Structure formats: structure tokens, C-alpha cells
């Protein structure tokens, strides 16, 4: 499977990286965005393994992660622990996890919405910056 963003083809297998492989360009942009808010509520759509959300969670910010039912319930290694996103959200007060289907029925508003696992799958920083600027 591939994402297509403004004509750039992005293979999804590049988005399955662990937390310690967070893209530094994406993290810097997140830091800049978050700096404009006081305790923002954040939606991470397509949250994957929370690679970039962990940065936000560690700052004490609230994150709502949304992904497929398969992604949020499967046991996987997240931050060096074998767990699922749904189990992890029970241990972290500032993390809420929804399946895409459940989230579509919610009426919630967020200060910031991100889709960083797609962006971070782009192998070149210059392309990430270009796409970020045109979105």
C-alpha cells in the first residue's frame, strides 16, 4: 500500500518505524506548532505506534490517537514494551485511543490535528518540508 500526497508516492512500510526513529524535522515542527497553545488537545490521526505522539505525551499534553482497529488492538513493541495501543491508553492518563470507526461517531474538537506517521514515511527531509508547506 502507498500514500500519494501531491503526486509523491509514499510506501506505507516506511511508516512502521519504532519510537526511537522519530523524524527530527517532524518533531521540530510539532514543537513549533505546540508552542502557540497553552495545553492544546491534539488529534493524531493514523497514530501508528505513537512515534511522534510520545514526544507530545512526554510534555504532559493530551493526545487522542486514531488508527485502524487492527493497529490499536494488536500486540506490538511500543516504547520497548509489548503492548497494544488500547492497553497503553489505560496506563497513560493523557492518551486516548479510538478506532477509525469509533472515532467517526465522536463529536470532539481538537486544537491541533496531526498525521505525522504519514509524513515521517517520506524518506527525505526536504520533501517533508515541501509537503508541510503546501498542505
N, C-alpha and C. Protein backbone atom coordinates (compact mmCIF):
# COMPACT_ATOMS: atom_id res chain seq x y z
N UNK A 1 0.83 -1.17 0.00
CA UNK A 1 0.00 0.00 0.00
C UNK A 1 0.88 1.24 0.00
N UNK A 2 0.40 2.29 -0.65
CA UNK A 2 1.15 3.53 -0.72
C UNK A 2 0.21 4.71 -0.48
N UNK A 3 0.74 5.75 0.13
CA UNK A 3 0.03 7.03 0.21
C UNK A 3 0.47 7.86 -0.98
N UNK A 4 -0.38 8.71 -1.47
CA UNK A 4 0.00 9.64 -2.52
C UNK A 4 -0.33 11.04 -2.00
N UNK A 5 0.68 11.87 -1.82
CA UNK A 5 0.49 13.23 -1.34
C UNK A 5 1.07 14.17 -2.38
N UNK A 6 0.22 14.95 -3.01
CA UNK A 6 0.63 15.90 -4.04
C UNK A 6 1.59 15.26 -5.05
N UNK A 7 1.21 14.08 -5.52
CA UNK A 7 1.98 13.41 -6.54
C UNK A 7 3.20 12.65 -6.05
N UNK A 8 3.49 12.72 -4.75
CA UNK A 8 4.63 11.99 -4.20
C UNK A 8 4.12 10.66 -3.66
N UNK A 9 4.69 9.56 -4.14
CA UNK A 9 4.28 8.22 -3.74
C UNK A 9 5.07 7.82 -2.50
N UNK A 10 4.35 7.45 -1.40
CA UNK A 10 5.00 7.12 -0.14
C UNK A 10 4.62 5.70 0.27
N UNK A 11 5.59 4.77 0.30
CA UNK A 11 5.26 3.40 0.71
C UNK A 11 4.96 3.34 2.21
N UNK A 12 3.84 2.70 2.58
CA UNK A 12 3.43 2.67 3.98
C UNK A 12 4.38 1.87 4.85
N UNK A 13 5.15 0.96 4.28
CA UNK A 13 6.07 0.20 5.12
C UNK A 13 7.10 1.11 5.79
N UNK A 14 7.31 2.28 5.24
CA UNK A 14 8.24 3.23 5.87
C UNK A 14 7.65 3.89 7.11
N UNK A 15 6.33 3.77 7.31
CA UNK A 15 5.70 4.42 8.46
C UNK A 15 5.67 3.54 9.69
N UNK A 16 6.18 2.33 9.64
CA UNK A 16 6.11 1.40 10.77
C UNK A 16 7.39 1.41 11.60
N UNK A 17 8.02 2.54 11.70
CA UNK A 17 9.27 2.64 12.45
C UNK A 17 9.00 2.75 13.95
N UNK A 18 9.95 2.36 14.80
CA UNK A 18 9.78 2.45 16.25
C UNK A 18 9.90 3.90 16.74
N UNK A 19 9.54 4.09 18.00
CA UNK A 19 9.54 5.42 18.61
C UNK A 19 10.91 6.08 18.53
N UNK A 20 11.96 5.31 18.72
CA UNK A 20 13.30 5.91 18.69
C UNK A 20 13.74 6.34 17.29
N UNK A 21 12.88 6.13 16.29
CA UNK A 21 13.19 6.57 14.92
C UNK A 21 12.30 7.73 14.50
N UNK A 22 11.83 8.51 15.47
CA UNK A 22 11.00 9.68 15.15
C UNK A 22 11.81 10.63 14.27
N UNK A 23 11.15 11.21 13.30
CA UNK A 23 11.81 12.12 12.38
C UNK A 23 12.04 13.47 13.07
N UNK A 24 13.27 13.93 13.09
CA UNK A 24 13.63 15.15 13.80
C UNK A 24 13.00 16.40 13.19
N UNK A 25 12.82 16.42 11.88
CA UNK A 25 12.16 17.56 11.23
C UNK A 25 10.71 17.63 11.68
N UNK A 26 10.05 16.49 11.73
CA UNK A 26 8.66 16.45 12.17
C UNK A 26 8.57 16.88 13.64
N UNK A 27 9.46 16.38 14.49
CA UNK A 27 9.45 16.77 15.90
C UNK A 27 9.65 18.27 16.09
N UNK A 28 10.56 18.85 15.30
CA UNK A 28 10.80 20.29 15.41
C UNK A 28 9.55 21.08 15.00
N UNK A 29 8.88 20.64 13.95
CA UNK A 29 7.65 21.32 13.52
C UNK A 29 6.56 21.18 14.59
N UNK A 30 6.45 20.01 15.18
CA UNK A 30 5.48 19.81 16.25
C UNK A 30 5.76 20.74 17.42
N UNK A 31 7.03 20.85 17.78
CA UNK A 31 7.41 21.74 18.88
C UNK A 31 7.00 23.18 18.57
N UNK A 32 7.22 23.61 17.34
CA UNK A 32 6.83 24.97 16.94
C UNK A 32 5.32 25.17 16.97
N UNK A 33 4.58 24.17 16.51
CA UNK A 33 3.11 24.27 16.49
C UNK A 33 2.56 24.31 17.91
N UNK A 34 3.03 23.41 18.75
CA UNK A 34 2.53 23.30 20.12
C UNK A 34 2.85 24.56 20.93
N UNK A 35 3.95 25.23 20.60
CA UNK A 35 4.35 26.44 21.33
C UNK A 35 3.32 27.55 21.22
N UNK A 36 2.44 27.49 20.24
CA UNK A 36 1.42 28.53 20.05
C UNK A 36 0.18 28.31 20.91
N UNK A 37 0.16 27.28 21.73
CA UNK A 37 -1.01 26.93 22.54
C UNK A 37 -0.63 26.72 23.99
N UNK A 38 -1.62 26.87 24.86
CA UNK A 38 -1.46 26.50 26.25
C UNK A 38 -2.26 25.23 26.46
N UNK A 39 -1.58 24.12 26.74
CA UNK A 39 -2.22 22.82 26.95
C UNK A 39 -3.20 22.45 25.83
N UNK A 40 -2.73 22.37 24.60
CA UNK A 40 -3.64 22.03 23.50
C UNK A 40 -4.11 20.58 23.55
N UNK A 41 -5.28 20.35 23.00
CA UNK A 41 -5.74 18.98 22.78
C UNK A 41 -5.30 18.61 21.37
N UNK A 42 -4.78 17.40 21.23
CA UNK A 42 -4.14 17.01 19.97
C UNK A 42 -4.75 15.71 19.45
N UNK A 43 -5.09 15.71 18.19
CA UNK A 43 -5.54 14.52 17.49
C UNK A 43 -4.40 14.02 16.63
N UNK A 44 -4.03 12.75 16.80
CA UNK A 44 -3.03 12.12 15.95
C UNK A 44 -3.75 11.07 15.12
N UNK A 45 -4.13 11.45 13.92
CA UNK A 45 -4.90 10.56 13.04
C UNK A 45 -3.93 9.67 12.27
N UNK A 46 -4.13 8.37 12.38
CA UNK A 46 -3.17 7.41 11.81
C UNK A 46 -1.96 7.32 12.72
N UNK A 47 -2.21 7.24 14.02
CA UNK A 47 -1.16 7.37 15.03
C UNK A 47 -0.10 6.27 15.00
N UNK A 48 -0.41 5.12 14.40
CA UNK A 48 0.60 4.05 14.32
C UNK A 48 1.08 3.62 15.68
N UNK A 49 2.38 3.64 15.89
CA UNK A 49 2.98 3.27 17.17
C UNK A 49 3.23 4.47 18.07
N UNK A 50 2.61 5.58 17.75
CA UNK A 50 2.74 6.83 18.55
C UNK A 50 4.14 7.42 18.47
N UNK A 51 4.83 7.16 17.38
CA UNK A 51 6.22 7.59 17.25
C UNK A 51 6.40 9.07 17.55
N UNK A 52 5.51 9.91 17.05
CA UNK A 52 5.64 11.34 17.30
C UNK A 52 4.76 11.80 18.44
N UNK A 53 3.73 11.06 18.75
CA UNK A 53 2.87 11.41 19.88
C UNK A 53 3.60 11.27 21.22
N UNK A 54 4.54 10.33 21.31
CA UNK A 54 5.27 10.18 22.57
C UNK A 54 5.99 11.47 22.95
N UNK A 55 6.49 12.17 21.98
CA UNK A 55 7.13 13.47 22.22
C UNK A 55 6.13 14.41 22.92
N UNK A 56 4.90 14.43 22.44
CA UNK A 56 3.86 15.29 23.00
C UNK A 56 3.38 14.78 24.35
N UNK A 57 3.20 13.48 24.47
CA UNK A 57 2.77 12.88 25.74
C UNK A 57 3.79 13.15 26.83
N UNK A 58 5.08 13.07 26.50
CA UNK A 58 6.13 13.32 27.48
C UNK A 58 6.17 14.77 27.95
N UNK A 59 5.54 15.66 27.21
CA UNK A 59 5.43 17.06 27.63
C UNK A 59 4.17 17.29 28.46
N UNK A 60 3.44 16.21 28.76
CA UNK A 60 2.23 16.31 29.56
C UNK A 60 1.00 16.74 28.77
N UNK A 61 1.10 16.71 27.45
CA UNK A 61 -0.03 17.12 26.62
C UNK A 61 -0.98 15.95 26.39
N UNK A 62 -2.25 16.26 26.17
CA UNK A 62 -3.25 15.23 25.91
C UNK A 62 -3.30 14.92 24.42
N UNK A 63 -3.26 13.63 24.10
CA UNK A 63 -3.27 13.18 22.72
C UNK A 63 -4.39 12.14 22.55
N UNK A 64 -5.13 12.31 21.48
CA UNK A 64 -6.13 11.33 21.07
C UNK A 64 -5.59 10.66 19.82
N UNK A 65 -5.27 9.37 19.91
CA UNK A 65 -4.75 8.64 18.77
C UNK A 65 -5.87 7.87 18.08
N UNK A 66 -5.86 7.90 16.76
CA UNK A 66 -6.87 7.19 15.97
C UNK A 66 -6.15 6.37 14.91
N UNK A 67 -6.55 5.10 14.82
CA UNK A 67 -5.99 4.23 13.78
C UNK A 67 -6.97 3.08 13.56
N UNK A 68 -6.61 2.17 12.68
CA UNK A 68 -7.48 1.04 12.39
C UNK A 68 -7.65 0.17 13.63
N UNK A 69 -8.74 -0.56 13.70
CA UNK A 69 -8.97 -1.47 14.82
C UNK A 69 -7.83 -2.48 14.94
N UNK A 70 -7.31 -2.92 13.81
CA UNK A 70 -6.20 -3.86 13.83
C UNK A 70 -4.97 -3.23 14.48
N UNK A 71 -4.66 -1.99 14.12
CA UNK A 71 -3.48 -1.31 14.65
C UNK A 71 -3.61 -1.03 16.15
N UNK A 72 -4.78 -0.66 16.62
CA UNK A 72 -4.89 -0.29 18.03
C UNK A 72 -5.03 -1.49 18.96
N UNK A 73 -5.40 -2.66 18.43
CA UNK A 73 -5.60 -3.83 19.30
C UNK A 73 -4.47 -4.86 19.22
N UNK A 74 -3.66 -4.80 18.19
CA UNK A 74 -2.62 -5.83 18.06
C UNK A 74 -1.49 -5.60 19.07
N UNK A 75 -0.94 -6.70 19.54
CA UNK A 75 0.21 -6.63 20.45
C UNK A 75 1.44 -6.34 19.60
N UNK A 76 2.15 -5.30 19.99
CA UNK A 76 3.34 -4.88 19.26
C UNK A 76 4.30 -4.25 20.24
N UNK A 77 5.51 -4.02 19.81
CA UNK A 77 6.50 -3.39 20.66
C UNK A 77 6.35 -1.87 20.54
N UNK A 78 5.96 -1.24 21.63
CA UNK A 78 5.81 0.21 21.67
C UNK A 78 6.64 0.72 22.84
N UNK A 79 7.59 1.56 22.55
CA UNK A 79 8.48 2.11 23.57
C UNK A 79 9.11 0.99 24.41
N UNK A 80 9.60 -0.02 23.74
CA UNK A 80 10.32 -1.16 24.33
C UNK A 80 9.43 -2.10 25.14
N UNK A 81 8.11 -1.95 25.04
CA UNK A 81 7.19 -2.84 25.76
C UNK A 81 6.28 -3.53 24.77
N UNK A 82 5.97 -4.80 25.02
CA UNK A 82 4.97 -5.49 24.21
C UNK A 82 3.61 -5.15 24.79
N UNK A 83 2.83 -4.45 23.99
CA UNK A 83 1.52 -4.00 24.44
C UNK A 83 0.68 -3.65 23.22
N UNK A 84 -0.54 -3.25 23.45
CA UNK A 84 -1.37 -2.72 22.37
C UNK A 84 -1.63 -1.25 22.68
N UNK A 85 -2.06 -0.51 21.69
CA UNK A 85 -2.38 0.90 21.92
C UNK A 85 -3.54 1.04 22.91
N UNK A 86 -4.51 0.15 22.83
CA UNK A 86 -5.64 0.23 23.76
C UNK A 86 -5.19 -0.03 25.20
N UNK A 87 -4.30 -1.00 25.40
CA UNK A 87 -3.79 -1.24 26.75
C UNK A 87 -2.92 -0.08 27.23
N UNK A 88 -2.11 0.45 26.34
CA UNK A 88 -1.24 1.56 26.70
C UNK A 88 -2.06 2.78 27.12
N UNK A 89 -3.18 3.02 26.46
CA UNK A 89 -4.01 4.18 26.80
C UNK A 89 -4.62 4.05 28.19
N UNK A 90 -4.76 2.84 28.68
CA UNK A 90 -5.29 2.64 30.04
C UNK A 90 -4.24 2.97 31.09
N UNK A 91 -2.97 2.94 30.71
CA UNK A 91 -1.88 3.24 31.64
C UNK A 91 -1.46 4.71 31.59
N UNK A 92 -1.78 5.40 30.50
CA UNK A 92 -1.38 6.80 30.36
C UNK A 92 -2.62 7.69 30.42
N UNK A 93 -2.68 8.53 31.44
CA UNK A 93 -3.86 9.39 31.64
C UNK A 93 -4.09 10.36 30.50
N UNK A 94 -3.02 10.77 29.83
CA UNK A 94 -3.16 11.80 28.80
C UNK A 94 -3.25 11.22 27.38
N UNK A 95 -3.50 9.90 27.27
CA UNK A 95 -3.64 9.26 25.96
C UNK A 95 -5.00 8.58 25.85
N UNK A 96 -5.72 8.92 24.79
CA UNK A 96 -6.98 8.27 24.46
C UNK A 96 -6.82 7.66 23.08
N UNK A 97 -7.30 6.44 22.92
CA UNK A 97 -7.17 5.74 21.64
C UNK A 97 -8.55 5.34 21.14
N UNK A 98 -8.78 5.58 19.84
CA UNK A 98 -10.03 5.18 19.19
C UNK A 98 -9.70 4.46 17.88
N UNK A 99 -10.57 3.54 17.52
CA UNK A 99 -10.51 3.00 16.17
C UNK A 99 -11.10 4.06 15.25
N UNK A 100 -10.79 3.99 13.97
CA UNK A 100 -11.33 4.93 13.00
C UNK A 100 -12.86 4.91 13.04
N UNK A 101 -13.42 3.71 13.15
CA UNK A 101 -14.87 3.57 13.16
C UNK A 101 -15.50 4.23 14.38
N UNK A 102 -14.93 4.00 15.57
CA UNK A 102 -15.47 4.61 16.79
C UNK A 102 -15.29 6.12 16.78
N UNK A 103 -14.15 6.56 16.28
CA UNK A 103 -13.89 8.00 16.25
C UNK A 103 -14.85 8.73 15.32
N UNK A 104 -15.26 8.08 14.25
CA UNK A 104 -16.16 8.75 13.29
C UNK A 104 -17.51 9.07 13.92
N UNK A 105 -17.85 8.42 15.03
CA UNK A 105 -19.11 8.70 15.72
C UNK A 105 -18.97 9.74 16.82
N UNK A 106 -17.75 10.15 17.11
CA UNK A 106 -17.50 11.13 18.17
C UNK A 106 -17.69 12.54 17.64
N UNK A 107 -18.05 13.41 18.54
CA UNK A 107 -18.14 14.83 18.21
C UNK A 107 -17.18 15.55 19.14
N UNK A 108 -15.93 15.50 18.78
CA UNK A 108 -14.88 16.14 19.56
C UNK A 108 -14.17 17.17 18.70
N UNK A 109 -13.65 18.16 19.37
CA UNK A 109 -12.86 19.17 18.69
C UNK A 109 -11.47 19.20 19.30
N UNK A 110 -10.49 19.48 18.47
CA UNK A 110 -9.10 19.49 18.90
C UNK A 110 -8.45 20.80 18.47
N UNK A 111 -7.48 21.23 19.27
CA UNK A 111 -6.72 22.43 18.90
C UNK A 111 -5.78 22.14 17.73
N UNK A 112 -5.22 20.93 17.73
CA UNK A 112 -4.22 20.55 16.73
C UNK A 112 -4.56 19.15 16.22
N UNK A 113 -4.50 18.97 14.91
CA UNK A 113 -4.65 17.65 14.31
C UNK A 113 -3.39 17.35 13.51
N UNK A 114 -2.81 16.19 13.74
CA UNK A 114 -1.60 15.81 13.03
C UNK A 114 -1.79 14.45 12.35
N UNK A 115 -0.97 14.22 11.37
CA UNK A 115 -0.95 12.94 10.65
C UNK A 115 0.52 12.63 10.36
N UNK A 116 1.31 12.62 11.42
CA UNK A 116 2.76 12.59 11.27
C UNK A 116 3.33 11.26 10.82
N UNK A 117 2.64 10.15 11.08
CA UNK A 117 3.20 8.87 10.64
C UNK A 117 3.23 8.77 9.12
N UNK A 118 2.32 9.45 8.48
CA UNK A 118 2.36 9.50 7.02
C UNK A 118 3.52 10.39 6.58
N UNK A 119 3.64 11.56 7.17
CA UNK A 119 4.73 12.46 6.80
C UNK A 119 6.10 11.84 7.06
N UNK A 120 6.23 11.17 8.19
CA UNK A 120 7.54 10.63 8.53
C UNK A 120 7.94 9.46 7.65
N UNK A 121 7.00 8.92 6.91
CA UNK A 121 7.33 7.84 5.99
C UNK A 121 8.07 8.35 4.76
N UNK A 122 8.07 9.66 4.57
CA UNK A 122 8.76 10.26 3.44
C UNK A 122 10.26 10.24 3.76
N UNK A 123 11.07 9.63 2.92
CA UNK A 123 12.47 9.41 3.28
C UNK A 123 13.37 10.65 3.29
N UNK A 124 12.97 11.75 2.65
CA UNK A 124 13.85 12.91 2.58
C UNK A 124 13.24 14.11 3.28
N UNK A 125 14.02 14.73 4.17
CA UNK A 125 13.55 15.87 4.94
C UNK A 125 13.06 17.01 4.05
N UNK A 126 13.73 17.27 2.94
CA UNK A 126 13.33 18.37 2.06
C UNK A 126 11.92 18.12 1.50
N UNK A 127 11.58 16.84 1.25
CA UNK A 127 10.24 16.52 0.75
C UNK A 127 9.20 16.69 1.85
N UNK A 128 9.55 16.33 3.09
CA UNK A 128 8.63 16.53 4.21
C UNK A 128 8.32 18.02 4.35
N UNK A 129 9.36 18.84 4.33
CA UNK A 129 9.18 20.28 4.47
C UNK A 129 8.34 20.83 3.33
N UNK A 130 8.60 20.38 2.12
CA UNK A 130 7.82 20.83 0.96
C UNK A 130 6.33 20.49 1.11
N UNK A 131 6.05 19.25 1.49
CA UNK A 131 4.66 18.84 1.65
C UNK A 131 4.00 19.61 2.79
N UNK A 132 4.72 19.79 3.89
CA UNK A 132 4.19 20.54 5.02
C UNK A 132 3.79 21.96 4.60
N UNK A 133 4.60 22.56 3.78
CA UNK A 133 4.34 23.94 3.34
C UNK A 133 3.15 24.04 2.40
N UNK A 134 2.88 23.00 1.63
CA UNK A 134 1.78 23.12 0.66
C UNK A 134 0.46 22.61 1.20
N UNK A 135 0.46 21.98 2.35
CA UNK A 135 -0.80 21.48 2.92
C UNK A 135 -1.62 22.59 3.53
